[in-house]
């Protein structure tokens, strides 16, 4: 039985929501970031972790910063080390 990492699932949900919000089809995004439809499906479902290189491609195509995929984390998790130390 495959156990999905909850962080990968949440990042995949954010990816799907952003894609849909921008009106991009599944196929259009897959083509733009150089992956198969099956691979993008695995990213969006959380079945496959998105590597830094693909996250960069996704952010470039969707015109978002990487933090957009982690906005659901508590504020302290999104803080810089300097900001965390000051708190």
PDB file of N, CA and C in Angstrom:
ATOM      1  N   UNK A   1       0.836  -1.181   0.000  1.00  0.00           N
ATOM      2  CA  UNK A   1       0.000   0.000   0.000  1.00  0.00           C
ATOM      3  C   UNK A   1       0.883   1.248   0.000  1.00  0.00           C
ATOM      4  N   UNK A   2       0.606   2.146  -0.892  1.00  0.00           N
ATOM      5  CA  UNK A   2       1.360   3.393  -1.021  1.00  0.00           C
ATOM      6  C   UNK A   2       0.867   4.410   0.002  1.00  0.00           C
ATOM      7  N   UNK A   3       1.795   4.908   0.814  1.00  0.00           N
ATOM      8  CA  UNK A   3       1.452   5.941   1.791  1.00  0.00           C
ATOM      9  C   UNK A   3       1.991   7.263   1.273  1.00  0.00           C
ATOM     10  N   UNK A   4       1.099   8.219   1.056  1.00  0.00           N
ATOM     11  CA  UNK A   4       1.499   9.508   0.516  1.00  0.00           C
ATOM     12  C   UNK A   4       1.948  10.437   1.642  1.00  0.00           C
ATOM     13  N   UNK A   5       2.967  11.227   1.345  1.00  0.00           N
ATOM     14  CA  UNK A   5       3.436  12.224   2.293  1.00  0.00           C
ATOM     15  C   UNK A   5       2.437  13.374   2.292  1.00  0.00           C
ATOM     16  N   UNK A   6       1.909  13.761   3.461  1.00  0.00           N
ATOM     17  CA  UNK A   6       0.888  14.824   3.489  1.00  0.00           C
ATOM     18  C   UNK A   6       1.386  16.159   2.944  1.00  0.00           C
ATOM     19  N   UNK A   7       2.667  16.436   3.059  1.00  0.00           N
ATOM     20  CA  UNK A   7       3.206  17.686   2.504  1.00  0.00           C
ATOM     21  C   UNK A   7       3.159  17.641   0.985  1.00  0.00           C
ATOM     22  N   UNK A   8       3.551  16.506   0.389  1.00  0.00           N
ATOM     23  CA  UNK A   8       3.500  16.361  -1.067  1.00  0.00           C
ATOM     24  C   UNK A   8       2.069  16.475  -1.575  1.00  0.00           C
ATOM     25  N   UNK A   9       1.122  15.913  -0.823  1.00  0.00           N
ATOM     26  CA  UNK A   9      -0.296  15.995  -1.208  1.00  0.00           C
ATOM     27  C   UNK A   9      -0.753  17.448  -1.188  1.00  0.00           C
ATOM     28  N   UNK A  10      -0.406  18.173  -0.135  1.00  0.00           N
ATOM     29  CA  UNK A  10      -0.828  19.571  -0.014  1.00  0.00           C
ATOM     30  C   UNK A  10      -0.191  20.439  -1.096  1.00  0.00           C
ATOM     31  N   UNK A  11       1.099  20.230  -1.379  1.00  0.00           N
ATOM     32  CA  UNK A  11       1.764  20.984  -2.445  1.00  0.00           C
ATOM     33  C   UNK A  11       1.103  20.665  -3.787  1.00  0.00           C
ATOM     34  N   UNK A  12       0.760  19.410  -4.012  1.00  0.00           N
ATOM     35  CA  UNK A  12       0.070  19.018  -5.242  1.00  0.00           C
ATOM     36  C   UNK A  12      -1.289  19.686  -5.375  1.00  0.00           C
ATOM     37  N   UNK A  13      -2.008  19.784  -4.268  1.00  0.00           N
ATOM     38  CA  UNK A  13      -3.298  20.477  -4.280  1.00  0.00           C
ATOM     39  C   UNK A  13      -3.118  21.954  -4.622  1.00  0.00           C
ATOM     40  N   UNK A  14      -2.097  22.564  -4.049  1.00  0.00           N
ATOM     41  CA  UNK A  14      -1.816  23.977  -4.354  1.00  0.00           C
ATOM     42  C   UNK A  14      -1.468  24.150  -5.833  1.00  0.00           C
ATOM     43  N   UNK A  15      -0.699  23.212  -6.364  1.00  0.00           N
ATOM     44  CA  UNK A  15      -0.345  23.255  -7.786  1.00  0.00           C
ATOM     45  C   UNK A  15      -1.608  23.173  -8.636  1.00  0.00           C
ATOM     46  N   UNK A  16      -2.465  22.219  -8.337  1.00  0.00           N
ATOM     47  CA  UNK A  16      -3.691  22.053  -9.113  1.00  0.00           C
ATOM     48  C   UNK A  16      -4.586  23.290  -9.001  1.00  0.00           C
ATOM     49  N   UNK A  17      -4.751  23.805  -7.791  1.00  0.00           N
ATOM     50  CA  UNK A  17      -5.594  24.985  -7.596  1.00  0.00           C
ATOM     51  C   UNK A  17      -5.055  26.191  -8.357  1.00  0.00           C
ATOM     52  N   UNK A  18      -3.737  26.371  -8.344  1.00  0.00           N
ATOM     53  CA  UNK A  18      -3.126  27.494  -9.058  1.00  0.00           C
ATOM     54  C   UNK A  18      -3.320  27.334 -10.556  1.00  0.00           C
ATOM     55  N   UNK A  19      -3.096  26.126 -11.062  1.00  0.00           N
ATOM     56  CA  UNK A  19      -3.280  25.857 -12.493  1.00  0.00           C
ATOM     57  C   UNK A  19      -4.708  26.159 -12.913  1.00  0.00           C
ATOM     58  N   UNK A  20      -5.667  25.674 -12.131  1.00  0.00           N
ATOM     59  CA  UNK A  20      -7.073  25.896 -12.463  1.00  0.00           C
ATOM     60  C   UNK A  20      -7.448  27.370 -12.367  1.00  0.00           C
ATOM     61  N   UNK A  21      -6.941  28.047 -11.345  1.00  0.00           N
ATOM     62  CA  UNK A  21      -7.215  29.476 -11.175  1.00  0.00           C
ATOM     63  C   UNK A  21      -6.734  30.278 -12.388  1.00  0.00           C
ATOM     64  N   UNK A  22      -5.604  29.858 -12.952  1.00  0.00           N
ATOM     65  CA  UNK A  22      -5.051  30.558 -14.110  1.00  0.00           C
ATOM     66  C   UNK A  22      -5.666  30.109 -15.430  1.00  0.00           C
ATOM     67  N   UNK A  23      -6.532  29.106 -15.377  1.00  0.00           N
ATOM     68  CA  UNK A  23      -7.206  28.638 -16.584  1.00  0.00           C
ATOM     69  C   UNK A  23      -6.335  27.803 -17.504  1.00  0.00           C
ATOM     70  N   UNK A  24      -5.277  27.222 -16.955  1.00  0.00           N
ATOM     71  CA  UNK A  24      -4.406  26.359 -17.767  1.00  0.00           C
ATOM     72  C   UNK A  24      -4.937  24.933 -17.746  1.00  0.00           C
ATOM     73  N   UNK A  25      -4.954  24.315 -18.892  1.00  0.00           N
ATOM     74  CA  UNK A  25      -5.371  22.919 -18.929  1.00  0.00           C
ATOM     75  C   UNK A  25      -4.238  22.050 -18.390  1.00  0.00           C
ATOM     76  N   UNK A  26      -4.604  20.864 -18.014  1.00  0.00           N
ATOM     77  CA  UNK A  26      -3.654  19.871 -17.534  1.00  0.00           C
ATOM     78  C   UNK A  26      -2.550  19.668 -18.568  1.00  0.00           C
ATOM     79  N   UNK A  27      -2.963  19.452 -19.799  1.00  0.00           N
ATOM     80  CA  UNK A  27      -2.011  19.188 -20.885  1.00  0.00           C
ATOM     81  C   UNK A  27      -1.110  20.390 -21.156  1.00  0.00           C
ATOM     82  N   UNK A  28      -1.662  21.594 -21.110  1.00  0.00           N
ATOM     83  CA  UNK A  28      -0.863  22.801 -21.361  1.00  0.00           C
ATOM     84  C   UNK A  28       0.265  22.942 -20.342  1.00  0.00           C
ATOM     85  N   UNK A  29      -0.051  22.711 -19.073  1.00  0.00           N
ATOM     86  CA  UNK A  29       0.993  22.834 -18.051  1.00  0.00           C
ATOM     87  C   UNK A  29       2.025  21.730 -18.195  1.00  0.00           C
ATOM     88  N   UNK A  30       1.578  20.517 -18.415  1.00  0.00           N
ATOM     89  CA  UNK A  30       2.516  19.401 -18.584  1.00  0.00           C
ATOM     90  C   UNK A  30       3.486  19.692 -19.724  1.00  0.00           C
ATOM     91  N   UNK A  31       2.964  20.147 -20.831  1.00  0.00           N
ATOM     92  CA  UNK A  31       3.788  20.479 -21.990  1.00  0.00           C
ATOM     93  C   UNK A  31       4.767  21.608 -21.667  1.00  0.00           C
ATOM     94  N   UNK A  32       4.287  22.642 -20.984  1.00  0.00           N
ATOM     95  CA  UNK A  32       5.114  23.808 -20.681  1.00  0.00           C
ATOM     96  C   UNK A  32       6.267  23.492 -19.732  1.00  0.00           C
ATOM     97  N   UNK A  33       6.084  22.511 -18.840  1.00  0.00           N
ATOM     98  CA  UNK A  33       7.158  22.186 -17.897  1.00  0.00           C
ATOM     99  C   UNK A  33       7.938  20.940 -18.311  1.00  0.00           C
ATOM    100  N   UNK A  34       7.577  20.377 -19.464  1.00  0.00           N
ATOM    101  CA  UNK A  34       8.354  19.267 -20.029  1.00  0.00           C
ATOM    102  C   UNK A  34       8.162  17.927 -19.349  1.00  0.00           C
ATOM    103  N   UNK A  35       6.922  17.658 -18.907  1.00  0.00           N
ATOM    104  CA  UNK A  35       6.630  16.348 -18.315  1.00  0.00           C
ATOM    105  C   UNK A  35       5.419  15.742 -19.008  1.00  0.00           C
ATOM    106  N   UNK A  36       5.220  14.462 -18.811  1.00  0.00           N
ATOM    107  CA  UNK A  36       4.048  13.798 -19.367  1.00  0.00           C
ATOM    108  C   UNK A  36       2.817  14.151 -18.541  1.00  0.00           C
ATOM    109  N   UNK A  37       1.654  13.913 -19.132  1.00  0.00           N
ATOM    110  CA  UNK A  37       0.407  14.126 -18.395  1.00  0.00           C
ATOM    111  C   UNK A  37       0.377  13.257 -17.143  1.00  0.00           C
ATOM    112  N   UNK A  38       0.870  12.026 -17.259  1.00  0.00           N
ATOM    113  CA  UNK A  38       0.890  11.105 -16.115  1.00  0.00           C
ATOM    114  C   UNK A  38       1.772  11.644 -14.999  1.00  0.00           C
ATOM    115  N   UNK A  39       2.897  12.226 -15.361  1.00  0.00           N
ATOM    116  CA  UNK A  39       3.802  12.794 -14.362  1.00  0.00           C
ATOM    117  C   UNK A  39       3.145  13.969 -13.648  1.00  0.00           C
ATOM    118  N   UNK A  40       2.489  14.848 -14.394  1.00  0.00           N
ATOM    119  CA  UNK A  40       1.802  15.981 -13.781  1.00  0.00           C
ATOM    120  C   UNK A  40       0.680  15.490 -12.875  1.00  0.00           C
ATOM    121  N   UNK A  41      -0.015  14.457 -13.282  1.00  0.00           N
ATOM    122  CA  UNK A  41      -1.061  13.867 -12.439  1.00  0.00           C
ATOM    123  C   UNK A  41      -0.463  13.395 -11.118  1.00  0.00           C
ATOM    124  N   UNK A  42       0.707  12.759 -11.184  1.00  0.00           N
ATOM    125  CA  UNK A  42       1.374  12.299  -9.968  1.00  0.00           C
ATOM    126  C   UNK A  42       1.808  13.470  -9.091  1.00  0.00           C
ATOM    127  N   UNK A  43       2.249  14.570  -9.693  1.00  0.00           N
ATOM    128  CA  UNK A  43       2.602  15.766  -8.919  1.00  0.00           C
ATOM    129  C   UNK A  43       1.366  16.315  -8.214  1.00  0.00           C
ATOM    130  N   UNK A  44       0.281  16.471  -8.959  1.00  0.00           N
ATOM    131  CA  UNK A  44      -0.929  17.082  -8.407  1.00  0.00           C
ATOM    132  C   UNK A  44      -1.607  16.209  -7.355  1.00  0.00           C
ATOM    133  N   UNK A  45      -1.416  14.918  -7.439  1.00  0.00           N
ATOM    134  CA  UNK A  45      -2.021  14.013  -6.453  1.00  0.00           C
ATOM    135  C   UNK A  45      -1.133  13.819  -5.235  1.00  0.00           C
ATOM    136  N   UNK A  46       0.129  14.248  -5.333  1.00  0.00           N
ATOM    137  CA  UNK A  46       1.070  14.047  -4.242  1.00  0.00           C
ATOM    138  C   UNK A  46       1.756  12.702  -4.285  1.00  0.00           C
ATOM    139  N   UNK A  47       1.484  11.932  -5.329  1.00  0.00           N
ATOM    140  CA  UNK A  47       2.097  10.610  -5.462  1.00  0.00           C
ATOM    141  C   UNK A  47       3.588  10.719  -5.742  1.00  0.00           C
ATOM    142  N   UNK A  48       3.983  11.780  -6.443  1.00  0.00           N
ATOM    143  CA  UNK A  48       5.385  12.036  -6.757  1.00  0.00           C
ATOM    144  C   UNK A  48       5.781  13.394  -6.206  1.00  0.00           C
ATOM    145  N   UNK A  49       6.891  13.417  -5.482  1.00  0.00           N
ATOM    146  CA  UNK A  49       7.415  14.673  -4.936  1.00  0.00           C
ATOM    147  C   UNK A  49       7.966  15.522  -6.076  1.00  0.00           C
ATOM    148  N   UNK A  50       7.724  16.820  -6.013  1.00  0.00           N
ATOM    149  CA  UNK A  50       8.206  17.748  -7.035  1.00  0.00           C
ATOM    150  C   UNK A  50       9.622  18.171  -6.664  1.00  0.00           C
ATOM    151  N   UNK A  51      10.570  17.887  -7.538  1.00  0.00           N
ATOM    152  CA  UNK A  51      11.952  18.282  -7.314  1.00  0.00           C
ATOM    153  C   UNK A  51      12.136  19.782  -7.507  1.00  0.00           C
ATOM    154  N   UNK A  52      13.237  20.286  -6.994  1.00  0.00           N
ATOM    155  CA  UNK A  52      13.507  21.726  -7.065  1.00  0.00           C
ATOM    156  C   UNK A  52      13.540  22.225  -8.499  1.00  0.00           C
ATOM    157  N   UNK A  53      14.106  21.448  -9.403  1.00  0.00           N
ATOM    158  CA  UNK A  53      14.195  21.887 -10.801  1.00  0.00           C
ATOM    159  C   UNK A  53      12.814  22.000 -11.441  1.00  0.00           C
ATOM    160  N   UNK A  54      11.929  21.049 -11.140  1.00  0.00           N
ATOM    161  CA  UNK A  54      10.565  21.108 -11.694  1.00  0.00           C
ATOM    162  C   UNK A  54       9.755  22.190 -10.997  1.00  0.00           C
ATOM    163  N   UNK A  55       9.980  22.384  -9.700  1.00  0.00           N
ATOM    164  CA  UNK A  55       9.281  23.452  -8.999  1.00  0.00           C
ATOM    165  C   UNK A  55       9.652  24.799  -9.606  1.00  0.00           C
ATOM    166  N   UNK A  56      10.911  24.954  -9.945  1.00  0.00           N
ATOM    167  CA  UNK A  56      11.354  26.186 -10.610  1.00  0.00           C
ATOM    168  C   UNK A  56      10.611  26.366 -11.935  1.00  0.00           C
ATOM    169  N   UNK A  57      10.534  25.310 -12.739  1.00  0.00           N
ATOM    170  CA  UNK A  57       9.824  25.379 -14.027  1.00  0.00           C
ATOM    171  C   UNK A  57       8.345  25.719 -13.819  1.00  0.00           C
ATOM    172  N   UNK A  58       7.730  25.074 -12.838  1.00  0.00           N
ATOM    173  CA  UNK A  58       6.317  25.314 -12.550  1.00  0.00           C
ATOM    174  C   UNK A  58       6.095  26.773 -12.157  1.00  0.00           C
ATOM    175  N   UNK A  59       6.949  27.279 -11.276  1.00  0.00           N
ATOM    176  CA  UNK A  59       6.819  28.675 -10.824  1.00  0.00           C
ATOM    177  C   UNK A  59       7.004  29.652 -11.980  1.00  0.00           C
ATOM    178  N   UNK A  60       7.930  29.356 -12.861  1.00  0.00           N
ATOM    179  CA  UNK A  60       8.184  30.209 -14.020  1.00  0.00           C
ATOM    180  C   UNK A  60       6.960  30.247 -14.928  1.00  0.00           C
ATOM    181  N   UNK A  61       6.368  29.103 -15.191  1.00  0.00           N
ATOM    182  CA  UNK A  61       5.211  29.019 -16.086  1.00  0.00           C
ATOM    183  C   UNK A  61       3.962  29.637 -15.439  1.00  0.00           C
ATOM    184  N   UNK A  62       3.766  29.397 -14.150  1.00  0.00           N
ATOM    185  CA  UNK A  62       2.573  29.900 -13.469  1.00  0.00           C
ATOM    186  C   UNK A  62       2.744  31.317 -12.931  1.00  0.00           C
ATOM    187  N   UNK A  63       3.961  31.847 -13.042  1.00  0.00           N
ATOM    188  CA  UNK A  63       4.263  33.208 -12.562  1.00  0.00           C
ATOM    189  C   UNK A  63       3.968  33.366 -11.077  1.00  0.00           C
ATOM    190  N   UNK A  64       4.426  32.397 -10.297  1.00  0.00           N
ATOM    191  CA  UNK A  64       4.297  32.458  -8.842  1.00  0.00           C
ATOM    192  C   UNK A  64       5.652  32.167  -8.214  1.00  0.00           C
ATOM    193  N   UNK A  65       5.807  32.578  -6.967  1.00  0.00           N
ATOM    194  CA  UNK A  65       7.018  32.272  -6.212  1.00  0.00           C
ATOM    195  C   UNK A  65       6.841  30.907  -5.545  1.00  0.00           C
ATOM    196  N   UNK A  66       7.918  30.198  -5.263  1.00  0.00           N
ATOM    197  CA  UNK A  66       7.800  28.881  -4.624  1.00  0.00           C
ATOM    198  C   UNK A  66       7.001  28.894  -3.324  1.00  0.00           C
ATOM    199  N   UNK A  67       7.078  29.979  -2.585  1.00  0.00           N
ATOM    200  CA  UNK A  67       6.341  30.063  -1.322  1.00  0.00           C
ATOM    201  C   UNK A  67       4.834  29.917  -1.537  1.00  0.00           C
ATOM    202  N   UNK A  68       4.355  30.168  -2.736  1.00  0.00           N
ATOM    203  CA  UNK A  68       2.926  30.027  -3.032  1.00  0.00           C
ATOM    204  C   UNK A  68       2.442  28.599  -2.766  1.00  0.00           C
ATOM    205  N   UNK A  69       3.334  27.629  -2.865  1.00  0.00           N
ATOM    206  CA  UNK A  69       2.957  26.237  -2.664  1.00  0.00           C
ATOM    207  C   UNK A  69       3.044  25.813  -1.203  1.00  0.00           C
ATOM    208  N   UNK A  70       3.512  26.734  -0.359  1.00  0.00           N
ATOM    209  CA  UNK A  70       3.663  26.435   1.059  1.00  0.00           C
ATOM    210  C   UNK A  70       2.936  27.453   1.937  1.00  0.00           C
ATOM    211  N   UNK A  71       2.055  28.247   1.345  1.00  0.00           N
ATOM    212  CA  UNK A  71       1.345  29.296   2.069  1.00  0.00           C
ATOM    213  C   UNK A  71       0.447  28.721   3.162  1.00  0.00           C
ATOM    214  N   UNK A  72       0.077  27.489   3.077  1.00  0.00           N
ATOM    215  CA  UNK A  72      -0.791  26.838   4.055  1.00  0.00           C
ATOM    216  C   UNK A  72      -0.052  26.514   5.357  1.00  0.00           C
ATOM    217  N   UNK A  73       1.280  26.587   5.341  1.00  0.00           N
ATOM    218  CA  UNK A  73       2.059  26.315   6.549  1.00  0.00           C
ATOM    219  C   UNK A  73       1.875  27.439   7.567  1.00  0.00           C
ATOM    220  N   UNK A  74       2.064  27.154   8.844  1.00  0.00           N
ATOM    221  CA  UNK A  74       1.994  28.224   9.842  1.00  0.00           C
ATOM    222  C   UNK A  74       2.999  29.325   9.515  1.00  0.00           C
ATOM    223  N   UNK A  75       2.686  30.555   9.906  1.00  0.00           N
ATOM    224  CA  UNK A  75       3.532  31.705   9.588  1.00  0.00           C
ATOM    225  C   UNK A  75       4.995  31.486   9.936  1.00  0.00           C
ATOM    226  N   UNK A  76       5.269  30.895  11.078  1.00  0.00           N
ATOM    227  CA  UNK A  76       6.651  30.700  11.515  1.00  0.00           C
ATOM    228  C   UNK A  76       7.416  29.798  10.537  1.00  0.00           C
ATOM    229  N   UNK A  77       6.739  28.852   9.916  1.00  0.00           N
ATOM    230  CA  UNK A  77       7.395  27.950   8.967  1.00  0.00           C
ATOM    231  C   UNK A  77       7.819  28.690   7.704  1.00  0.00           C
ATOM    232  N   UNK A  78       7.121  29.767   7.362  1.00  0.00           N
ATOM    233  CA  UNK A  78       7.454  30.542   6.164  1.00  0.00           C
ATOM    234  C   UNK A  78       8.447  31.669   6.449  1.00  0.00           C
ATOM    235  N   UNK A  79       8.811  31.834   7.707  1.00  0.00           N
ATOM    236  CA  UNK A  79       9.735  32.905   8.067  1.00  0.00           C
ATOM    237  C   UNK A  79      11.160  32.547   7.686  1.00  0.00           C
ATOM    238  N   UNK A  80      11.967  33.579   7.448  1.00  0.00           N
ATOM    239  CA  UNK A  80      13.384  33.359   7.196  1.00  0.00           C
ATOM    240  C   UNK A  80      14.051  32.975   8.513  1.00  0.00           C
ATOM    241  N   UNK A  81      15.241  32.346   8.490  1.00  0.00           N
ATOM    242  CA  UNK A  81      15.918  32.019   9.740  1.00  0.00           C
ATOM    243  C   UNK A  81      16.099  33.237  10.645  1.00  0.00           C
ATOM    244  N   UNK A  82      16.414  34.388  10.050  1.00  0.00           N
ATOM    245  CA  UNK A  82      16.611  35.625  10.826  1.00  0.00           C
ATOM    246  C   UNK A  82      15.306  36.024  11.517  1.00  0.00           C
ATOM    247  N   UNK A  83      14.178  35.908  10.784  1.00  0.00           N
ATOM    248  CA  UNK A  83      12.883  36.256  11.359  1.00  0.00           C
ATOM    249  C   UNK A  83      12.499  35.282  12.486  1.00  0.00           C
ATOM    250  N   UNK A  84      12.817  33.979  12.292  1.00  0.00           N
ATOM    251  CA  UNK A  84      12.510  32.993  13.324  1.00  0.00           C
ATOM    252  C   UNK A  84      13.318  33.250  14.591  1.00  0.00           C
ATOM    253  N   UNK A  85      14.580  33.641  14.429  1.00  0.00           N
ATOM    254  CA  UNK A  85      15.437  33.908  15.585  1.00  0.00           C
ATOM    255  C   UNK A  85      14.969  35.133  16.348  1.00  0.00           C
ATOM    256  N   UNK A  86      14.394  36.110  15.639  1.00  0.00           N
ATOM    257  CA  UNK A  86      13.948  37.346  16.275  1.00  0.00           C
ATOM    258  C   UNK A  86      12.646  37.147  17.052  1.00  0.00           C
ATOM    259  N   UNK A  87      11.913  36.125  16.723  1.00  0.00           N
ATOM    260  CA  UNK A  87      10.594  35.886  17.364  1.00  0.00           C
ATOM    261  C   UNK A  87      10.725  35.332  18.765  1.00  0.00           C
TER     262      UNK A  87
END
